[in-house]
């Protein structure tokens, strides 16, 4: 009995180690392959026509203002005001009647002085893969600046690279470890899923639809 238990414990430990190695390898691949495409210094960021702002909720589940949202809006506004981009594509979730990430992003950008005609809304950016792929397949952009937090930008760039989109990313301000720990931990798994979706499953966006022109 003791030997059987020891055998299963050994097998269990090996499975855990393999799983941890897989997670580490996925994260290493995503970060290493996109390391030269992320920018925190706006002066070093190459100019581009369109910035793709990845969506998130304006408020947390507890009803507080979501710092991820506001930091991304600030970063996108800075890019436009510094003339690093000519247009901003905001992409987020709008699957529920009373939940509209793109509209909230548009309103927040307008409050920061970005003209309405310089903003295009993508209502079907249900997840990062959808937002990145739709920027090309629906909105016709083969070159973009992705705007999100650094940890998220690496995954978005990984997707762009494997879908023949020439992309760089501008890092919005990070959230403190205290507030962002859960999000960071989820990101480790999200990168593994991104590899499976892109490399193995060839996952497509939930919706594509007709082409939409961005007037620049």
C-alpha atoms as a PDB file:
ATOM      1  CA  UNK A   1       0.000   0.000   0.000  1.00  0.00           C
ATOM      2  CA  UNK A   2       2.784   2.381   0.959  1.00  0.00           C
ATOM      3  CA  UNK A   3       4.660   1.642  -2.292  1.00  0.00           C
ATOM      4  CA  UNK A   4       1.529   2.268  -4.367  1.00  0.00           C
ATOM      5  CA  UNK A   5       0.942   5.595  -2.656  1.00  0.00           C
ATOM      6  CA  UNK A   6       4.572   6.576  -3.187  1.00  0.00           C
ATOM      7  CA  UNK A   7       4.293   5.657  -6.878  1.00  0.00           C
ATOM      8  CA  UNK A   8       1.222   7.861  -7.376  1.00  0.00           C
ATOM      9  CA  UNK A   9       2.800  10.722  -5.466  1.00  0.00           C
ATOM     10  CA  UNK A  10       5.844  10.483  -7.744  1.00  0.00           C
ATOM     11  CA  UNK A  11       3.638  10.478 -10.859  1.00  0.00           C
ATOM     12  CA  UNK A  12       1.652  13.419  -9.506  1.00  0.00           C
ATOM     13  CA  UNK A  13       4.827  15.369  -8.759  1.00  0.00           C
ATOM     14  CA  UNK A  14       6.136  14.722 -12.287  1.00  0.00           C
ATOM     15  CA  UNK A  15       2.864  15.916 -13.823  1.00  0.00           C
ATOM     16  CA  UNK A  16       3.004  19.098 -11.741  1.00  0.00           C
ATOM     17  CA  UNK A  17       6.620  19.704 -12.754  1.00  0.00           C
ATOM     18  CA  UNK A  18       5.802  19.164 -16.434  1.00  0.00           C
ATOM     19  CA  UNK A  19       2.852  21.529 -16.169  1.00  0.00           C
ATOM     20  CA  UNK A  20       4.977  24.198 -14.499  1.00  0.00           C
ATOM     21  CA  UNK A  21       7.662  23.775 -17.154  1.00  0.00           C
ATOM     22  CA  UNK A  22       5.037  24.117 -19.900  1.00  0.00           C
ATOM     23  CA  UNK A  23       3.724  27.353 -18.351  1.00  0.00           C
ATOM     24  CA  UNK A  24       7.264  28.709 -17.973  1.00  0.00           C
ATOM     25  CA  UNK A  25       8.180  27.760 -21.567  1.00  0.00           C
ATOM     26  CA  UNK A  26       5.057  29.417 -22.998  1.00  0.00           C
ATOM     27  CA  UNK A  27       5.713  32.624 -21.098  1.00  0.00           C
ATOM     28  CA  UNK A  28       9.386  32.635 -22.058  1.00  0.00           C
ATOM     29  CA  UNK A  29       8.502  32.192 -25.743  1.00  0.00           C
ATOM     30  CA  UNK A  30       5.889  34.942 -25.729  1.00  0.00           C
ATOM     31  CA  UNK A  31       8.135  37.460 -23.957  1.00  0.00           C
ATOM     32  CA  UNK A  32      11.400  36.593 -25.731  1.00  0.00           C
ATOM     33  CA  UNK A  33       9.893  36.678 -29.227  1.00  0.00           C
ATOM     34  CA  UNK A  34       8.325  40.121 -28.695  1.00  0.00           C
ATOM     35  CA  UNK A  35      10.942  41.778 -26.477  1.00  0.00           C
ATOM     36  CA  UNK A  36      12.123  44.189 -29.178  1.00  0.00           C
ATOM     37  CA  UNK A  37       8.614  45.361 -30.032  1.00  0.00           C
ATOM     38  CA  UNK A  38       7.526  46.912 -26.732  1.00  0.00           C
ATOM     39  CA  UNK A  39       8.166  50.560 -25.876  1.00  0.00           C
ATOM     40  CA  UNK A  40       7.775  52.531 -22.684  1.00  0.00           C
ATOM     41  CA  UNK A  41       9.544  55.646 -23.994  1.00  0.00           C
ATOM     42  CA  UNK A  42       7.185  57.540 -26.296  1.00  0.00           C
ATOM     43  CA  UNK A  43      10.085  59.301 -28.003  1.00  0.00           C
ATOM     44  CA  UNK A  44      11.568  56.008 -29.186  1.00  0.00           C
ATOM     45  CA  UNK A  45       8.272  54.585 -30.420  1.00  0.00           C
ATOM     46  CA  UNK A  46       8.048  54.467 -34.240  1.00  0.00           C
ATOM     47  CA  UNK A  47       5.271  56.540 -35.807  1.00  0.00           C
ATOM     48  CA  UNK A  48       2.244  54.702 -37.109  1.00  0.00           C
ATOM     49  CA  UNK A  49      -1.159  55.508 -38.517  1.00  0.00           C
ATOM     50  CA  UNK A  50      -3.364  53.602 -36.084  1.00  0.00           C
ATOM     51  CA  UNK A  51      -3.211  52.715 -32.404  1.00  0.00           C
ATOM     52  CA  UNK A  52      -5.200  49.693 -31.261  1.00  0.00           C
ATOM     53  CA  UNK A  53      -6.352  50.135 -27.668  1.00  0.00           C
ATOM     54  CA  UNK A  54      -7.256  46.820 -26.052  1.00  0.00           C
ATOM     55  CA  UNK A  55     -10.439  46.978 -24.050  1.00  0.00           C
ATOM     56  CA  UNK A  56     -11.194  46.403 -20.403  1.00  0.00           C
ATOM     57  CA  UNK A  57     -14.011  47.368 -18.092  1.00  0.00           C
ATOM     58  CA  UNK A  58     -14.214  50.948 -16.820  1.00  0.00           C
ATOM     59  CA  UNK A  59     -15.031  49.630 -13.348  1.00  0.00           C
ATOM     60  CA  UNK A  60     -13.866  46.702 -11.252  1.00  0.00           C
ATOM     61  CA  UNK A  61     -16.264  44.006 -10.010  1.00  0.00           C
ATOM     62  CA  UNK A  62     -16.423  45.950  -6.721  1.00  0.00           C
ATOM     63  CA  UNK A  63     -17.569  49.094  -8.495  1.00  0.00           C
ATOM     64  CA  UNK A  64     -14.292  51.008  -8.218  1.00  0.00           C
ATOM     65  CA  UNK A  65     -12.602  52.778 -11.115  1.00  0.00           C
ATOM     66  CA  UNK A  66     -10.429  50.312 -13.012  1.00  0.00           C
ATOM     67  CA  UNK A  67      -6.838  51.624 -13.242  1.00  0.00           C
ATOM     68  CA  UNK A  68      -6.110  49.387 -16.241  1.00  0.00           C
ATOM     69  CA  UNK A  69      -8.816  51.235 -18.193  1.00  0.00           C
ATOM     70  CA  UNK A  70      -7.686  54.743 -17.281  1.00  0.00           C
ATOM     71  CA  UNK A  71      -3.989  54.073 -17.808  1.00  0.00           C
ATOM     72  CA  UNK A  72      -4.680  52.709 -21.302  1.00  0.00           C
ATOM     73  CA  UNK A  73      -6.777  55.755 -22.146  1.00  0.00           C
ATOM     74  CA  UNK A  74      -4.021  58.070 -20.908  1.00  0.00           C
ATOM     75  CA  UNK A  75      -1.425  56.220 -22.991  1.00  0.00           C
ATOM     76  CA  UNK A  76      -3.548  56.338 -26.151  1.00  0.00           C
ATOM     77  CA  UNK A  77      -4.251  60.051 -25.692  1.00  0.00           C
ATOM     78  CA  UNK A  78      -0.523  60.727 -25.269  1.00  0.00           C
ATOM     79  CA  UNK A  79       0.252  58.922 -28.516  1.00  0.00           C
ATOM     80  CA  UNK A  80      -2.262  60.985 -30.451  1.00  0.00           C
ATOM     81  CA  UNK A  81      -1.240  64.285 -28.885  1.00  0.00           C
ATOM     82  CA  UNK A  82       2.438  63.515 -29.554  1.00  0.00           C
ATOM     83  CA  UNK A  83       1.483  62.806 -33.192  1.00  0.00           C
ATOM     84  CA  UNK A  84       2.777  59.256 -32.944  1.00  0.00           C
ATOM     85  CA  UNK A  85      -0.538  58.042 -34.374  1.00  0.00           C
ATOM     86  CA  UNK A  86      -3.236  59.628 -36.526  1.00  0.00           C
ATOM     87  CA  UNK A  87      -6.163  57.486 -35.456  1.00  0.00           C
ATOM     88  CA  UNK A  88      -7.262  55.352 -32.514  1.00  0.00           C
ATOM     89  CA  UNK A  89      -9.120  52.048 -32.834  1.00  0.00           C
ATOM     90  CA  UNK A  90     -10.751  51.089 -29.532  1.00  0.00           C
ATOM     91  CA  UNK A  91     -11.651  47.423 -29.339  1.00  0.00           C
ATOM     92  CA  UNK A  92     -13.637  45.764 -26.590  1.00  0.00           C
ATOM     93  CA  UNK A  93     -16.606  43.762 -25.432  1.00  0.00           C
ATOM     94  CA  UNK A  94     -20.181  44.805 -26.182  1.00  0.00           C
ATOM     95  CA  UNK A  95     -22.003  41.473 -25.994  1.00  0.00           C
ATOM     96  CA  UNK A  96     -24.401  42.684 -23.268  1.00  0.00           C
ATOM     97  CA  UNK A  97     -26.909  45.516 -23.648  1.00  0.00           C
ATOM     98  CA  UNK A  98     -25.629  47.496 -20.661  1.00  0.00           C
ATOM     99  CA  UNK A  99     -21.926  46.767 -21.120  1.00  0.00           C
ATOM    100  CA  UNK A 100     -20.060  48.694 -23.784  1.00  0.00           C
ATOM    101  CA  UNK A 101     -16.282  48.914 -23.465  1.00  0.00           C
ATOM    102  CA  UNK A 102     -15.630  50.633 -26.844  1.00  0.00           C
ATOM    103  CA  UNK A 103     -18.167  53.383 -26.157  1.00  0.00           C
ATOM    104  CA  UNK A 104     -16.731  54.004 -22.702  1.00  0.00           C
ATOM    105  CA  UNK A 105     -13.234  54.210 -24.180  1.00  0.00           C
ATOM    106  CA  UNK A 106     -14.413  56.633 -26.844  1.00  0.00           C
ATOM    107  CA  UNK A 107     -16.035  58.892 -24.248  1.00  0.00           C
ATOM    108  CA  UNK A 108     -12.930  58.806 -22.049  1.00  0.00           C
ATOM    109  CA  UNK A 109     -10.691  59.714 -25.017  1.00  0.00           C
ATOM    110  CA  UNK A 110     -12.961  62.582 -26.042  1.00  0.00           C
ATOM    111  CA  UNK A 111     -12.724  63.962 -22.491  1.00  0.00           C
ATOM    112  CA  UNK A 112      -8.958  64.076 -23.035  1.00  0.00           C
ATOM    113  CA  UNK A 113      -9.345  66.119 -26.181  1.00  0.00           C
ATOM    114  CA  UNK A 114      -9.225  63.426 -28.863  1.00  0.00           C
ATOM    115  CA  UNK A 115     -11.626  64.357 -31.695  1.00  0.00           C
ATOM    116  CA  UNK A 116     -14.498  61.972 -32.316  1.00  0.00           C
ATOM    117  CA  UNK A 117     -13.568  61.563 -35.993  1.00  0.00           C
ATOM    118  CA  UNK A 118     -10.143  60.252 -34.940  1.00  0.00           C
ATOM    119  CA  UNK A 119     -11.677  57.319 -33.057  1.00  0.00           C
ATOM    120  CA  UNK A 120     -13.129  54.112 -34.515  1.00  0.00           C
ATOM    121  CA  UNK A 121     -15.028  51.602 -32.391  1.00  0.00           C
ATOM    122  CA  UNK A 122     -14.709  47.830 -32.644  1.00  0.00           C
ATOM    123  CA  UNK A 123     -17.628  46.302 -30.773  1.00  0.00           C
ATOM    124  CA  UNK A 124     -16.522  42.681 -31.222  1.00  0.00           C
ATOM    125  CA  UNK A 125     -13.187  42.683 -29.409  1.00  0.00           C
ATOM    126  CA  UNK A 126     -14.322  39.977 -27.017  1.00  0.00           C
ATOM    127  CA  UNK A 127     -10.763  38.930 -26.274  1.00  0.00           C
ATOM    128  CA  UNK A 128      -7.244  39.889 -27.265  1.00  0.00           C
ATOM    129  CA  UNK A 129      -7.116  37.530 -30.249  1.00  0.00           C
ATOM    130  CA  UNK A 130     -10.353  38.981 -31.632  1.00  0.00           C
ATOM    131  CA  UNK A 131      -9.171  42.569 -31.239  1.00  0.00           C
ATOM    132  CA  UNK A 132      -5.786  41.998 -32.874  1.00  0.00           C
ATOM    133  CA  UNK A 133      -6.991  39.869 -35.789  1.00  0.00           C
ATOM    134  CA  UNK A 134     -10.022  42.077 -36.482  1.00  0.00           C
ATOM    135  CA  UNK A 135      -7.760  45.138 -36.728  1.00  0.00           C
ATOM    136  CA  UNK A 136      -6.428  43.575 -39.929  1.00  0.00           C
ATOM    137  CA  UNK A 137      -9.271  41.443 -41.278  1.00  0.00           C
ATOM    138  CA  UNK A 138     -12.108  43.902 -40.618  1.00  0.00           C
ATOM    139  CA  UNK A 139     -10.436  47.307 -40.330  1.00  0.00           C
ATOM    140  CA  UNK A 140      -7.707  46.732 -42.919  1.00  0.00           C
ATOM    141  CA  UNK A 141      -4.704  47.628 -40.755  1.00  0.00           C
ATOM    142  CA  UNK A 142      -1.492  45.738 -41.494  1.00  0.00           C
ATOM    143  CA  UNK A 143       0.608  47.977 -39.229  1.00  0.00           C
ATOM    144  CA  UNK A 144      -0.525  48.994 -35.733  1.00  0.00           C
ATOM    145  CA  UNK A 145       0.621  50.287 -32.369  1.00  0.00           C
ATOM    146  CA  UNK A 146      -0.960  48.190 -29.634  1.00  0.00           C
ATOM    147  CA  UNK A 147      -1.787  49.977 -26.388  1.00  0.00           C
ATOM    148  CA  UNK A 148      -2.128  48.099 -23.112  1.00  0.00           C
ATOM    149  CA  UNK A 149      -0.069  47.244 -20.054  1.00  0.00           C
ATOM    150  CA  UNK A 150       3.331  45.670 -20.749  1.00  0.00           C
ATOM    151  CA  UNK A 151       2.389  42.151 -19.627  1.00  0.00           C
ATOM    152  CA  UNK A 152      -0.626  42.209 -21.957  1.00  0.00           C
ATOM    153  CA  UNK A 153       1.242  43.783 -24.854  1.00  0.00           C
ATOM    154  CA  UNK A 154       3.608  40.814 -25.154  1.00  0.00           C
ATOM    155  CA  UNK A 155       0.697  38.423 -25.735  1.00  0.00           C
ATOM    156  CA  UNK A 156      -1.028  40.771 -28.174  1.00  0.00           C
ATOM    157  CA  UNK A 157       2.209  41.143 -30.147  1.00  0.00           C
ATOM    158  CA  UNK A 158       2.693  37.374 -30.216  1.00  0.00           C
ATOM    159  CA  UNK A 159      -0.736  37.056 -31.822  1.00  0.00           C
ATOM    160  CA  UNK A 160      -0.008  39.864 -34.287  1.00  0.00           C
ATOM    161  CA  UNK A 161       3.316  38.331 -35.308  1.00  0.00           C
ATOM    162  CA  UNK A 162       1.672  35.013 -36.151  1.00  0.00           C
ATOM    163  CA  UNK A 163      -1.136  36.666 -38.102  1.00  0.00           C
ATOM    164  CA  UNK A 164       1.165  38.715 -40.364  1.00  0.00           C
ATOM    165  CA  UNK A 165       0.488  42.045 -38.713  1.00  0.00           C
ATOM    166  CA  UNK A 166       3.441  44.392 -38.335  1.00  0.00           C
ATOM    167  CA  UNK A 167       3.017  45.656 -34.807  1.00  0.00           C
ATOM    168  CA  UNK A 168       4.776  47.426 -32.003  1.00  0.00           C
ATOM    169  CA  UNK A 169       3.307  48.205 -28.600  1.00  0.00           C
ATOM    170  CA  UNK A 170       3.255  51.162 -26.255  1.00  0.00           C
ATOM    171  CA  UNK A 171       3.144  50.290 -22.571  1.00  0.00           C
ATOM    172  CA  UNK A 172       0.450  51.958 -20.505  1.00  0.00           C
ATOM    173  CA  UNK A 173       1.269  52.540 -16.852  1.00  0.00           C
ATOM    174  CA  UNK A 174       1.285  49.342 -14.805  1.00  0.00           C
ATOM    175  CA  UNK A 175      -1.006  48.685 -11.872  1.00  0.00           C
ATOM    176  CA  UNK A 176       0.496  48.001  -8.441  1.00  0.00           C
ATOM    177  CA  UNK A 177       1.191  44.389  -7.472  1.00  0.00           C
ATOM    178  CA  UNK A 178      -1.392  44.629  -4.695  1.00  0.00           C
ATOM    179  CA  UNK A 179      -4.163  45.532  -7.131  1.00  0.00           C
ATOM    180  CA  UNK A 180      -2.937  43.584 -10.142  1.00  0.00           C
ATOM    181  CA  UNK A 181      -1.660  40.284  -8.717  1.00  0.00           C
ATOM    182  CA  UNK A 182      -4.673  38.215  -9.833  1.00  0.00           C
ATOM    183  CA  UNK A 183      -4.505  39.678 -13.331  1.00  0.00           C
ATOM    184  CA  UNK A 184      -0.796  38.931 -13.586  1.00  0.00           C
ATOM    185  CA  UNK A 185      -1.298  35.327 -12.474  1.00  0.00           C
ATOM    186  CA  UNK A 186      -4.100  34.869 -15.032  1.00  0.00           C
ATOM    187  CA  UNK A 187      -1.784  36.235 -17.702  1.00  0.00           C
ATOM    188  CA  UNK A 188       0.634  33.325 -17.265  1.00  0.00           C
ATOM    189  CA  UNK A 189      -2.156  30.947 -18.251  1.00  0.00           C
ATOM    190  CA  UNK A 190      -3.527  33.280 -20.933  1.00  0.00           C
ATOM    191  CA  UNK A 191      -0.187  33.133 -22.739  1.00  0.00           C
ATOM    192  CA  UNK A 192      -0.320  29.333 -22.785  1.00  0.00           C
ATOM    193  CA  UNK A 193      -3.823  29.509 -24.209  1.00  0.00           C
ATOM    194  CA  UNK A 194      -2.698  32.028 -26.829  1.00  0.00           C
ATOM    195  CA  UNK A 195      -0.044  29.589 -28.048  1.00  0.00           C
ATOM    196  CA  UNK A 196      -2.572  26.782 -28.264  1.00  0.00           C
ATOM    197  CA  UNK A 197      -5.085  29.014 -30.067  1.00  0.00           C
ATOM    198  CA  UNK A 198      -2.608  30.428 -32.585  1.00  0.00           C
ATOM    199  CA  UNK A 199      -0.122  27.636 -33.215  1.00  0.00           C
ATOM    200  CA  UNK A 200      -2.231  24.507 -32.776  1.00  0.00           C
ATOM    201  CA  UNK A 201      -5.946  25.336 -33.078  1.00  0.00           C
ATOM    202  CA  UNK A 202      -5.710  28.230 -35.581  1.00  0.00           C
ATOM    203  CA  UNK A 203      -8.478  29.962 -33.659  1.00  0.00           C
ATOM    204  CA  UNK A 204     -10.431  32.712 -35.423  1.00  0.00           C
ATOM    205  CA  UNK A 205     -12.344  35.674 -33.975  1.00  0.00           C
ATOM    206  CA  UNK A 206     -15.904  35.003 -32.880  1.00  0.00           C
ATOM    207  CA  UNK A 207     -17.149  37.531 -35.454  1.00  0.00           C
ATOM    208  CA  UNK A 208     -15.569  39.045 -38.556  1.00  0.00           C
ATOM    209  CA  UNK A 209     -18.270  40.585 -40.753  1.00  0.00           C
ATOM    210  CA  UNK A 210     -17.987  43.201 -43.435  1.00  0.00           C
ATOM    211  CA  UNK A 211     -14.962  45.412 -43.947  1.00  0.00           C
ATOM    212  CA  UNK A 212     -14.917  48.797 -42.224  1.00  0.00           C
ATOM    213  CA  UNK A 213     -12.725  51.586 -43.575  1.00  0.00           C
ATOM    214  CA  UNK A 214     -10.735  53.779 -41.211  1.00  0.00           C
ATOM    215  CA  UNK A 215     -10.480  57.264 -42.662  1.00  0.00           C
ATOM    216  CA  UNK A 216      -7.115  58.776 -41.804  1.00  0.00           C
END
